[in-house]
Amino acid sequence: MPSICEQVDIAASPQAVWAVLADVSLLPELSGSTTKVCVDGPLREVGQTFEQTVRLAGRKWTSTWRVDSIDPVQRLHITGELVGGVPYRMEERIEAISTDRTRLVIEADYELPLGAFGRLASRLGVERRARDELRE
């Protein structure tokens, strides 16, 4: 199963980073491919869902995401499906470096279908696109 891990240090408090992380309605401002998010307020509880619409290769795709676990100002774990029904799991962790500096660690894994074809698709760009999205 392919996996991706990215981290970034942010000049903001853990609480400020969490406020942005939990407010997925901000995704269109943070992700170049996200065009729309439908959600009922910030993410705050297990079982909460939201829909994300992205534009890829000239087409719009909508995915539904679910909060599997949440520890405010510490960790958020969501699952959903990418384009074509590819299962995707993502954990975002907040690590305080100091009172005004935070490390955000994002780990994601996904399962490409079709065995060797899926592995080829991963090497040809699916994984690169997922990494680019995480970096955004």
C-alpha atoms as a PDB file:
ATOM      1  CA  MET A   1       0.000   0.000   0.000  1.00  0.00           C
ATOM      2  CA  PRO A   2       1.621   3.308  -1.039  1.00  0.00           C
ATOM      3  CA  SER A   3       2.072   5.865   1.727  1.00  0.00           C
ATOM      4  CA  ILE A   4       3.152   9.475   1.921  1.00  0.00           C
ATOM      5  CA  CYS A   5       4.504  11.491   4.839  1.00  0.00           C
ATOM      6  CA  GLU A   6       5.085  15.232   4.787  1.00  0.00           C
ATOM      7  CA  GLN A   7       5.829  17.701   7.544  1.00  0.00           C
ATOM      8  CA  VAL A   8       6.149  21.439   7.801  1.00  0.00           C
ATOM      9  CA  ASP A   9       7.089  23.827  10.600  1.00  0.00           C
ATOM     10  CA  ILE A  10       4.669  26.730  10.931  1.00  0.00           C
ATOM     11  CA  ALA A  11       5.199  30.055  12.697  1.00  0.00           C
ATOM     12  CA  ALA A  12       1.938  29.845  14.641  1.00  0.00           C
ATOM     13  CA  SER A  13       0.651  28.342  17.862  1.00  0.00           C
ATOM     14  CA  PRO A  14      -0.706  24.784  17.884  1.00  0.00           C
ATOM     15  CA  GLN A  15      -4.175  26.235  18.575  1.00  0.00           C
ATOM     16  CA  ALA A  16      -3.989  28.478  15.498  1.00  0.00           C
ATOM     17  CA  VAL A  17      -2.830  25.570  13.308  1.00  0.00           C
ATOM     18  CA  TRP A  18      -5.647  23.395  14.661  1.00  0.00           C
ATOM     19  CA  ALA A  19      -8.236  26.082  13.913  1.00  0.00           C
ATOM     20  CA  VAL A  20      -7.223  26.021  10.226  1.00  0.00           C
ATOM     21  CA  LEU A  21      -6.883  22.215  10.101  1.00  0.00           C
ATOM     22  CA  ALA A  22     -10.343  21.608  11.583  1.00  0.00           C
ATOM     23  CA  ASP A  23     -12.013  24.194   9.327  1.00  0.00           C
ATOM     24  CA  VAL A  24     -12.079  22.175   6.104  1.00  0.00           C
ATOM     25  CA  SER A  25     -14.255  24.872   4.497  1.00  0.00           C
ATOM     26  CA  LEU A  26     -10.908  26.640   3.936  1.00  0.00           C
ATOM     27  CA  LEU A  27      -9.639  23.875   1.615  1.00  0.00           C
ATOM     28  CA  PRO A  28     -10.465  25.785  -1.613  1.00  0.00           C
ATOM     29  CA  GLU A  29      -8.071  28.508  -0.397  1.00  0.00           C
ATOM     30  CA  LEU A  30      -5.343  26.013   0.533  1.00  0.00           C
ATOM     31  CA  SER A  31      -5.580  23.374  -2.204  1.00  0.00           C
ATOM     32  CA  GLY A  32      -5.260  24.334  -5.856  1.00  0.00           C
ATOM     33  CA  SER A  33      -7.468  21.472  -7.033  1.00  0.00           C
ATOM     34  CA  THR A  34     -10.259  21.853  -4.452  1.00  0.00           C
ATOM     35  CA  THR A  35     -13.181  23.846  -5.829  1.00  0.00           C
ATOM     36  CA  LYS A  36     -15.832  23.301  -3.140  1.00  0.00           C
ATOM     37  CA  VAL A  37     -16.335  21.840   0.337  1.00  0.00           C
ATOM     38  CA  CYS A  38     -19.694  21.077   1.943  1.00  0.00           C
ATOM     39  CA  VAL A  39     -19.425  20.749   5.710  1.00  0.00           C
ATOM     40  CA  ASP A  40     -21.416  21.648   8.797  1.00  0.00           C
ATOM     41  CA  GLY A  41     -18.894  23.763  10.736  1.00  0.00           C
ATOM     42  CA  PRO A  42     -15.370  22.808  11.810  1.00  0.00           C
ATOM     43  CA  LEU A  43     -14.498  19.142  12.308  1.00  0.00           C
ATOM     44  CA  ARG A  44     -15.122  18.327  15.941  1.00  0.00           C
ATOM     45  CA  GLU A  45     -16.348  14.749  16.399  1.00  0.00           C
ATOM     46  CA  VAL A  46     -15.966  11.166  15.247  1.00  0.00           C
ATOM     47  CA  GLY A  47     -18.422  10.297  12.496  1.00  0.00           C
ATOM     48  CA  GLN A  48     -18.675  13.814  11.110  1.00  0.00           C
ATOM     49  CA  THR A  49     -18.498  13.927   7.304  1.00  0.00           C
ATOM     50  CA  PHE A  50     -17.775  16.468   4.613  1.00  0.00           C
ATOM     51  CA  GLU A  51     -17.762  16.520   0.825  1.00  0.00           C
ATOM     52  CA  GLN A  52     -14.815  17.817  -1.173  1.00  0.00           C
ATOM     53  CA  THR A  53     -15.062  18.612  -4.876  1.00  0.00           C
ATOM     54  CA  VAL A  54     -11.829  18.743  -6.866  1.00  0.00           C
ATOM     55  CA  ARG A  55     -11.006  19.533 -10.476  1.00  0.00           C
ATOM     56  CA  LEU A  56      -8.549  17.120 -12.076  1.00  0.00           C
ATOM     57  CA  ALA A  57      -7.818  16.660 -15.766  1.00  0.00           C
ATOM     58  CA  GLY A  58     -10.639  19.028 -16.666  1.00  0.00           C
ATOM     59  CA  ARG A  59     -13.275  17.090 -14.692  1.00  0.00           C
ATOM     60  CA  LYS A  60     -14.905  17.610 -11.313  1.00  0.00           C
ATOM     61  CA  TRP A  61     -14.888  14.789  -8.776  1.00  0.00           C
ATOM     62  CA  THR A  62     -16.625  14.750  -5.394  1.00  0.00           C
ATOM     63  CA  SER A  63     -15.453  12.640  -2.458  1.00  0.00           C
ATOM     64  CA  THR A  64     -17.030  12.118   0.944  1.00  0.00           C
ATOM     65  CA  TRP A  65     -14.688  12.116   3.941  1.00  0.00           C
ATOM     66  CA  ARG A  66     -15.343  10.812   7.458  1.00  0.00           C
ATOM     67  CA  VAL A  67     -13.679  11.692  10.753  1.00  0.00           C
ATOM     68  CA  ASP A  68     -12.457   8.407  12.262  1.00  0.00           C
ATOM     69  CA  SER A  69     -10.707   9.875  15.294  1.00  0.00           C
ATOM     70  CA  ILE A  70     -10.038  13.339  16.589  1.00  0.00           C
ATOM     71  CA  ASP A  71      -8.007  14.739  19.474  1.00  0.00           C
ATOM     72  CA  PRO A  72      -8.397  18.541  19.294  1.00  0.00           C
ATOM     73  CA  VAL A  73      -5.148  20.474  18.904  1.00  0.00           C
ATOM     74  CA  GLN A  74      -3.293  17.163  18.537  1.00  0.00           C
ATOM     75  CA  ARG A  75      -4.544  14.767  15.865  1.00  0.00           C
ATOM     76  CA  LEU A  76      -7.151  14.271  13.149  1.00  0.00           C
ATOM     77  CA  HIS A  77      -7.687  11.017  11.242  1.00  0.00           C
ATOM     78  CA  ILE A  78     -10.032  10.953   8.230  1.00  0.00           C
ATOM     79  CA  THR A  79     -10.882   8.396   5.568  1.00  0.00           C
ATOM     80  CA  GLY A  80     -12.494   8.732   2.182  1.00  0.00           C
ATOM     81  CA  GLU A  81     -12.096   7.901  -1.461  1.00  0.00           C
ATOM     82  CA  LEU A  82     -10.099   9.642  -4.126  1.00  0.00           C
ATOM     83  CA  VAL A  83     -10.970   9.823  -7.795  1.00  0.00           C
ATOM     84  CA  GLY A  84     -12.149   6.450  -9.091  1.00  0.00           C
ATOM     85  CA  GLY A  85     -12.992   5.065  -5.657  1.00  0.00           C
ATOM     86  CA  VAL A  86      -9.395   4.762  -4.427  1.00  0.00           C
ATOM     87  CA  PRO A  87      -9.548   4.306  -0.601  1.00  0.00           C
ATOM     88  CA  TYR A  88      -7.525   7.014   1.180  1.00  0.00           C
ATOM     89  CA  ARG A  89      -6.621   7.445   4.836  1.00  0.00           C
ATOM     90  CA  MET A  90      -4.978  10.539   6.273  1.00  0.00           C
ATOM     91  CA  GLU A  91      -3.689  11.409   9.727  1.00  0.00           C
ATOM     92  CA  GLU A  92      -2.687  14.976  10.551  1.00  0.00           C
ATOM     93  CA  ARG A  93      -0.709  15.519  13.754  1.00  0.00           C
ATOM     94  CA  ILE A  94       0.176  18.759  15.461  1.00  0.00           C
ATOM     95  CA  GLU A  95       3.408  18.877  17.454  1.00  0.00           C
ATOM     96  CA  ALA A  96       4.207  21.952  19.541  1.00  0.00           C
ATOM     97  CA  ILE A  97       7.760  23.145  18.990  1.00  0.00           C
ATOM     98  CA  SER A  98       7.198  26.203  21.206  1.00  0.00           C
ATOM     99  CA  THR A  99       4.251  28.406  22.135  1.00  0.00           C
ATOM    100  CA  ASP A 100       4.369  30.132  18.739  1.00  0.00           C
ATOM    101  CA  ARG A 101       5.863  27.426  16.501  1.00  0.00           C
ATOM    102  CA  THR A 102       4.213  24.179  15.401  1.00  0.00           C
ATOM    103  CA  ARG A 103       5.128  21.149  13.338  1.00  0.00           C
ATOM    104  CA  LEU A 104       2.329  19.709  11.207  1.00  0.00           C
ATOM    105  CA  VAL A 105       2.894  16.074  10.203  1.00  0.00           C
ATOM    106  CA  ILE A 106       0.620  14.546   7.573  1.00  0.00           C
ATOM    107  CA  GLU A 107       0.675  10.824   6.834  1.00  0.00           C
ATOM    108  CA  ALA A 108      -1.520   9.330   4.141  1.00  0.00           C
ATOM    109  CA  ASP A 109      -1.933   5.930   2.563  1.00  0.00           C
ATOM    110  CA  TYR A 110      -4.097   4.676  -0.263  1.00  0.00           C
ATOM    111  CA  GLU A 111      -4.811   1.534  -2.246  1.00  0.00           C
ATOM    112  CA  LEU A 112      -4.631   1.671  -6.035  1.00  0.00           C
ATOM    113  CA  PRO A 113      -6.766  -0.931  -7.819  1.00  0.00           C
ATOM    114  CA  LEU A 114      -5.800  -3.317 -10.600  1.00  0.00           C
ATOM    115  CA  GLY A 115      -2.543  -4.741  -9.245  1.00  0.00           C
ATOM    116  CA  ALA A 116       0.343  -4.028 -11.620  1.00  0.00           C
ATOM    117  CA  PHE A 117      -1.692  -1.401 -13.488  1.00  0.00           C
ATOM    118  CA  GLY A 118      -2.338   0.439 -10.233  1.00  0.00           C
ATOM    119  CA  ARG A 119       1.338   0.320  -9.322  1.00  0.00           C
ATOM    120  CA  LEU A 120       2.195   1.731 -12.743  1.00  0.00           C
ATOM    121  CA  ALA A 121      -0.379   4.518 -12.289  1.00  0.00           C
ATOM    122  CA  SER A 122       1.247   5.317  -8.956  1.00  0.00           C
ATOM    123  CA  ARG A 123       4.676   5.635 -10.518  1.00  0.00           C
ATOM    124  CA  LEU A 124       3.296   7.702 -13.408  1.00  0.00           C
ATOM    125  CA  GLY A 125       1.775  10.449 -11.338  1.00  0.00           C
ATOM    126  CA  VAL A 126      -0.898   9.523  -8.844  1.00  0.00           C
ATOM    127  CA  GLU A 127       1.544   9.525  -5.945  1.00  0.00           C
ATOM    128  CA  ARG A 128       3.197  12.736  -7.165  1.00  0.00           C
ATOM    129  CA  ARG A 129      -0.201  14.458  -7.291  1.00  0.00           C
ATOM    130  CA  ALA A 130      -1.040  13.241  -3.777  1.00  0.00           C
ATOM    131  CA  ARG A 131       2.318  14.527  -2.481  1.00  0.00           C
ATOM    132  CA  ASP A 132       1.754  17.909  -4.165  1.00  0.00           C
ATOM    133  CA  GLU A 133      -1.669  18.172  -2.507  1.00  0.00           C
ATOM    134  CA  LEU A 134      -0.220  17.354   0.919  1.00  0.00           C
ATOM    135  CA  ARG A 135       2.490  19.993   0.488  1.00  0.00           C
ATOM    136  CA  GLU A 136      -0.152  22.621  -0.327  1.00  0.00           C
END
